[in-house]
Protein backbone atom coordinates (compact mmCIF):
# COMPACT_ATOMS: atom_id res chain seq x y z
CA MET A 1 115.27 96.33 83.42
CA SER A 2 114.27 96.46 87.09
CA PRO A 3 110.60 95.83 87.97
CA ASP A 4 111.12 97.80 91.20
CA ARG A 5 112.18 100.97 89.40
CA THR A 6 109.35 100.59 86.89
CA PHE A 7 106.88 100.16 89.76
CA ALA A 8 108.29 103.31 91.39
CA ILE A 9 107.11 105.33 88.38
CA VAL A 10 103.63 103.85 88.75
CA LEU A 11 103.65 104.44 92.49
CA ARG A 12 104.48 108.12 91.99
CA GLN A 13 101.43 108.54 89.75
CA TYR A 14 99.28 106.70 92.30
CA TYR A 15 100.34 109.08 95.07
CA LEU A 16 99.67 112.07 92.83
CA MET A 17 96.13 110.91 92.12
CA ARG A 18 95.40 109.81 95.66
CA GLY A 19 96.34 113.22 96.96
CA SER A 20 94.55 115.26 94.30
CA PHE A 21 90.81 115.13 93.66
CA SER A 22 91.27 117.18 90.47
CA ARG A 23 93.59 114.53 89.01
CA PHE A 24 91.30 111.63 89.84
CA ILE A 25 87.97 112.98 88.55
CA PRO A 26 89.05 113.37 84.89
CA LEU A 27 89.73 109.61 84.75
CA PHE A 28 86.00 109.03 84.33
CA LEU A 29 84.23 112.40 84.10
CA TRP A 30 84.78 113.19 80.41
CA VAL A 31 84.14 109.65 79.21
CA ALA A 32 80.93 109.59 81.23
CA ILE A 33 79.79 112.82 79.58
CA ASP A 34 80.63 111.41 76.15
CA MET A 35 78.66 108.23 76.83
CA VAL A 36 75.58 110.11 77.99
CA LEU A 37 75.68 112.67 75.18
CA TRP A 38 76.28 110.21 72.34
CA GLY A 39 74.02 107.62 73.91
CA PHE A 40 70.96 109.89 73.89
CA LEU A 41 71.86 111.13 70.41
CA SER A 42 72.01 107.52 69.17
CA ARG A 43 68.68 106.74 70.79
CA TYR A 44 67.12 109.84 69.20
CA LEU A 45 68.41 108.89 65.75
CA ASP A 46 66.93 105.41 66.22
CA SER A 47 63.56 106.97 67.01
CA LEU A 48 63.58 108.85 63.70
CA THR A 49 63.79 105.67 61.61
CA ALA A 50 60.84 103.39 60.99
CA HIS A 51 62.51 100.12 61.86
CA GLY A 52 65.53 101.38 63.77
CA MET A 53 68.94 101.45 62.15
CA GLY A 54 70.83 100.26 65.22
CA PHE A 55 72.50 103.58 65.91
CA VAL A 56 73.22 102.66 69.52
CA PRO A 57 75.60 99.76 68.82
CA LYS A 58 77.12 101.46 65.76
CA LEU A 59 77.51 105.03 66.94
CA LEU A 60 77.85 104.55 70.68
CA GLY A 61 80.14 101.56 70.17
CA ALA A 62 82.40 103.69 67.97
CA VAL A 63 82.49 106.47 70.58
CA LEU A 64 83.35 103.96 73.30
CA LEU A 65 86.23 102.46 71.33
CA TRP A 66 87.61 105.82 70.23
CA ASP A 67 87.42 107.26 73.74
CA PHE A 68 89.31 104.22 74.97
CA LEU A 69 92.16 104.87 72.51
CA THR A 70 92.25 108.54 73.54
CA ARG A 71 92.35 107.65 77.25
CA VAL A 72 95.20 105.20 76.67
CA MET A 73 97.21 107.85 74.84
CA GLN A 74 96.53 110.47 77.49
CA GLY A 75 97.39 108.02 80.24
CA VAL A 76 100.95 107.99 78.91
CA THR A 77 101.30 111.66 78.03
CA ILE A 78 99.75 113.08 81.21
CA ALA A 79 101.96 110.87 83.39
CA PHE A 80 104.97 112.17 81.46
CA LEU A 81 103.80 115.78 81.59
CA GLU A 82 103.32 115.57 85.36
CA ASP A 83 107.08 115.12 85.59
CA VAL A 84 107.69 117.93 83.12
CA TRP A 85 105.32 120.38 84.83
CA SER A 86 106.88 119.71 88.23
CA ARG A 87 110.41 119.91 86.71
CA ASN A 88 111.02 116.45 88.11
CA PHE A 89 112.07 114.82 84.86
CA LEU A 90 115.79 115.46 85.35
CA ASN A 91 115.64 114.07 88.88
CA PHE A 92 114.48 110.70 87.57
CA PHE A 93 117.43 110.32 85.26
CA ALA A 94 119.91 111.40 87.91
CA THR A 95 119.15 107.94 89.32
CA PRO A 96 119.96 104.51 87.78
CA LEU A 97 116.53 104.59 86.10
CA SER A 98 116.74 103.55 82.44
CA VAL A 99 114.63 104.85 79.56
CA SER A 100 112.92 101.48 79.13
CA GLU A 101 112.02 101.36 82.85
CA TYR A 102 110.61 104.87 82.70
CA VAL A 103 108.54 104.21 79.57
CA GLY A 104 107.41 100.89 81.07
CA GLY A 105 106.13 102.76 84.12
CA LEU A 106 104.22 105.19 81.90
CA VAL A 107 102.63 102.28 80.01
CA ILE A 108 101.52 100.51 83.19
CA THR A 109 100.10 103.78 84.49
CA SER A 110 98.15 104.15 81.26
CA ILE A 111 96.79 100.61 81.57
CA LEU A 112 95.46 101.36 85.05
CA THR A 113 93.97 104.77 84.28
CA SER A 114 92.41 103.75 80.96
CA SER A 115 90.89 100.68 82.63
CA VAL A 116 88.99 103.00 84.97
CA GLY A 117 87.63 104.97 82.02
CA LEU A 118 86.73 101.80 80.10
CA ALA A 119 84.87 100.37 83.10
CA VAL A 120 82.84 103.57 83.48
CA MET A 121 82.03 103.67 79.76
CA LEU A 122 80.91 100.03 79.72
CA ALA A 123 78.78 100.51 82.83
CA LEU A 124 76.99 103.56 81.44
CA ALA A 125 76.57 102.13 77.94
CA THR A 126 75.08 98.92 79.35
CA THR A 127 72.84 100.29 82.09
CA LEU A 128 71.55 103.41 80.33
CA PHE A 129 71.47 102.39 76.67
CA GLY A 130 71.48 98.60 76.63
CA LEU A 131 74.75 98.34 74.70
CA SER A 132 76.46 95.10 75.60
CA PHE A 133 80.05 95.33 74.43
CA PHE A 134 80.25 91.56 74.62
CA SER A 135 77.70 91.36 71.81
CA TYR A 136 80.69 91.83 69.51
CA GLY A 137 81.90 88.43 70.69
CA LEU A 138 85.52 87.37 70.88
CA VAL A 139 86.51 89.99 68.32
CA SER A 140 86.24 92.56 71.10
CA ILE A 141 89.60 91.23 72.35
CA PRO A 142 91.59 92.16 69.21
CA PHE A 143 89.61 95.40 69.01
CA ILE A 144 90.80 96.44 72.47
CA ALA A 145 94.33 95.12 71.92
CA ILE A 146 94.86 97.04 68.66
CA LEU A 147 93.48 100.27 70.07
CA PHE A 148 95.55 99.86 73.22
CA LEU A 149 98.80 99.38 71.28
CA THR A 150 97.93 102.33 69.05
CA GLY A 151 97.15 104.56 72.02
CA ILE A 152 100.42 103.65 73.70
CA SER A 153 102.40 104.35 70.54
CA LEU A 154 100.73 107.76 70.10
CA GLY A 155 101.38 108.57 73.75
CA VAL A 156 105.06 107.65 73.59
CA LEU A 157 105.44 109.61 70.35
CA GLY A 158 103.80 112.62 72.00
CA CYS A 159 106.25 112.35 74.90
CA ALA A 160 109.15 112.29 72.44
CA MET A 161 107.76 115.43 70.80
CA VAL A 162 107.69 117.30 74.11
CA LEU A 163 111.15 116.01 75.01
CA ARG A 164 112.54 117.33 71.74
CA LEU A 165 110.65 120.63 71.43
CA GLY A 166 110.14 121.60 75.05
CA PRO A 167 107.21 121.77 77.50
CA ALA A 168 105.25 124.36 75.53
CA SER A 169 104.86 121.85 72.69
CA GLU A 170 102.37 119.90 74.78
CA TRP A 171 99.71 121.78 72.81
CA PHE A 172 100.75 119.75 69.78
CA ILE A 173 99.78 116.54 71.60
CA TRP A 174 96.13 117.10 72.52
CA PRO A 175 94.82 117.43 68.92
CA ILE A 176 96.45 114.20 67.70
CA PRO A 177 93.36 111.97 68.17
CA ILE A 178 91.15 114.57 66.46
CA LEU A 179 93.56 114.86 63.54
CA ILE A 180 93.64 111.14 62.81
CA SER A 181 89.95 110.41 63.49
CA PRO A 182 88.73 111.42 59.98
CA PHE A 183 91.16 108.90 58.47
CA ALA A 184 90.33 106.13 60.96
CA GLY A 185 86.70 105.84 59.83
CA VAL A 186 85.36 106.06 63.37
CA PHE A 187 81.78 106.96 62.38
CA TYR A 188 81.67 105.99 58.70
CA PRO A 189 83.13 103.36 56.35
CA VAL A 190 86.57 104.01 54.90
CA SER A 191 85.06 103.43 51.45
CA VAL A 192 83.36 106.86 51.53
CA LEU A 193 86.73 108.63 51.74
CA PRO A 194 88.60 109.97 48.70
CA ALA A 195 91.43 107.82 47.41
CA TRP A 196 94.26 109.73 49.09
CA MET A 197 92.51 109.56 52.48
CA ARG A 198 91.86 105.82 52.06
CA ALA A 199 95.58 105.31 51.49
CA VAL A 200 96.25 106.96 54.85
CA SER A 201 93.45 104.96 56.49
CA TYR A 202 94.98 101.65 55.46
CA ALA A 203 98.15 102.65 57.31
CA LEU A 204 96.25 103.36 60.55
CA PRO A 205 95.50 100.41 62.86
CA PRO A 206 92.24 101.91 64.25
CA SER A 207 90.64 101.89 60.79
CA TYR A 208 90.75 98.07 60.82
CA VAL A 209 89.04 98.04 64.21
CA PHE A 210 86.14 100.27 63.19
CA GLU A 211 85.69 98.51 59.86
CA GLY A 212 85.68 95.24 61.79
CA MET A 213 83.13 96.58 64.27
CA ARG A 214 80.72 97.50 61.49
CA ALA A 215 81.26 94.16 59.77
CA SER A 216 80.58 92.36 63.04
CA LEU A 217 77.28 94.20 63.51
CA ALA A 218 76.22 93.71 59.89
CA SER A 219 77.14 90.06 59.32
CA GLY A 220 78.43 88.71 62.60
CA THR A 221 81.84 87.97 61.10
CA VAL A 222 85.13 89.83 60.98
CA SER A 223 88.02 89.23 58.62
CA ALA A 224 90.84 87.59 60.56
CA GLY A 225 93.26 88.87 57.93
CA SER A 226 92.29 92.50 58.46
CA MET A 227 92.61 92.12 62.24
CA ALA A 228 96.05 90.58 61.75
CA VAL A 229 97.11 93.52 59.58
CA GLY A 230 95.78 96.00 62.14
CA GLY A 231 97.58 94.21 64.95
CA ALA A 232 100.86 94.04 63.01
CA LEU A 233 100.68 97.76 62.21
CA ALA A 234 99.93 98.62 65.84
CA ALA A 235 102.88 96.55 67.08
CA ALA A 236 105.18 98.11 64.46
CA TYR A 237 104.14 101.62 65.41
CA LEU A 238 104.70 100.86 69.09
CA ALA A 239 108.22 99.63 68.39
CA LEU A 240 108.88 102.67 66.19
CA SER A 241 107.59 105.15 68.79
CA CYS A 242 109.75 103.60 71.52
CA TRP A 243 112.76 103.83 69.21
CA VAL A 244 111.98 107.49 68.47
CA PHE A 245 111.64 108.28 72.18
CA LYS A 246 114.96 106.60 72.96
CA ARG A 247 116.75 108.43 70.14
CA THR A 248 115.19 111.73 71.19
CA TYR A 249 116.27 111.19 74.79
CA ARG A 250 119.85 110.47 73.69
CA TYR A 251 119.81 113.60 71.54
CA ALA A 252 118.55 115.69 74.45
CA ILE A 253 121.32 114.33 76.66
CA ARG A 254 124.04 114.78 74.04
CA THR A 255 123.13 118.36 73.18
CA GLY A 256 122.26 119.48 76.70
CA LEU A 257 118.71 120.24 75.62
CA ILE A 258 117.32 118.26 78.53
CA ALA A 259 118.84 120.79 80.95
CA ARG A 260 117.40 123.79 79.15
CA TYR A 261 113.70 123.02 79.46
CA SER A 262 111.64 126.21 79.35
CA ALA A 263 107.87 126.50 79.38
CA GLU A 264 108.14 129.76 77.47
CA SER A 265 109.73 128.53 74.24
CA VAL A 266 109.27 125.76 71.70
CA ALA A 267 112.65 125.26 70.07
């Protein structure tokens, strides 16, 4: 695996963003809107309770963490789709570039772009609503790590889906965070879910993060065991998604599907 070829993937994305205002603005615009909207809603809900229920750290903190996961996932998928939209994907693999180098470049791109969004969210949450993310303590590190690994795995899996089904299947990617959010317990405890949904929740790494966040705010402690389970699941899903992408790529090469990309069909 060549660091130079991996860096070339990152450099391409940098040049795309540097030369396009419309690509750069979404890095922080939508997360800023989310922070402002949910921040004022949290403050309003606090004003309705006699003693304040701490909606800002609970609700706004959940929005911040979930938006971070979404941005990480989209950092991978949008970088991949840029190559698909421009019909540049085949050109990459006409070079000595390997699958692992390409995916590594997508991951690094996602780290950089999601870091911009996270910085904006933290700045707005702290300055406008007094939410200090560091109030969660050292557990904020595993929180971010688990969500990052999960976002990367979802992004790589989404890329494999487009590679297998064609460019038009990108519309299957965007709803993925929405579809799993009810099971992840972003805004409510997993215990309120019916039994079959709880079974799904326990298989999702983000559910351990949001349960841990609420436990941290309520008692100041988080179960190390649950964080370990969440981290192990996230790492397993990342390895699985990379394996799926590699197998899908080999299938596309073997069958010639990779040369028959069409934005008009999903097949």
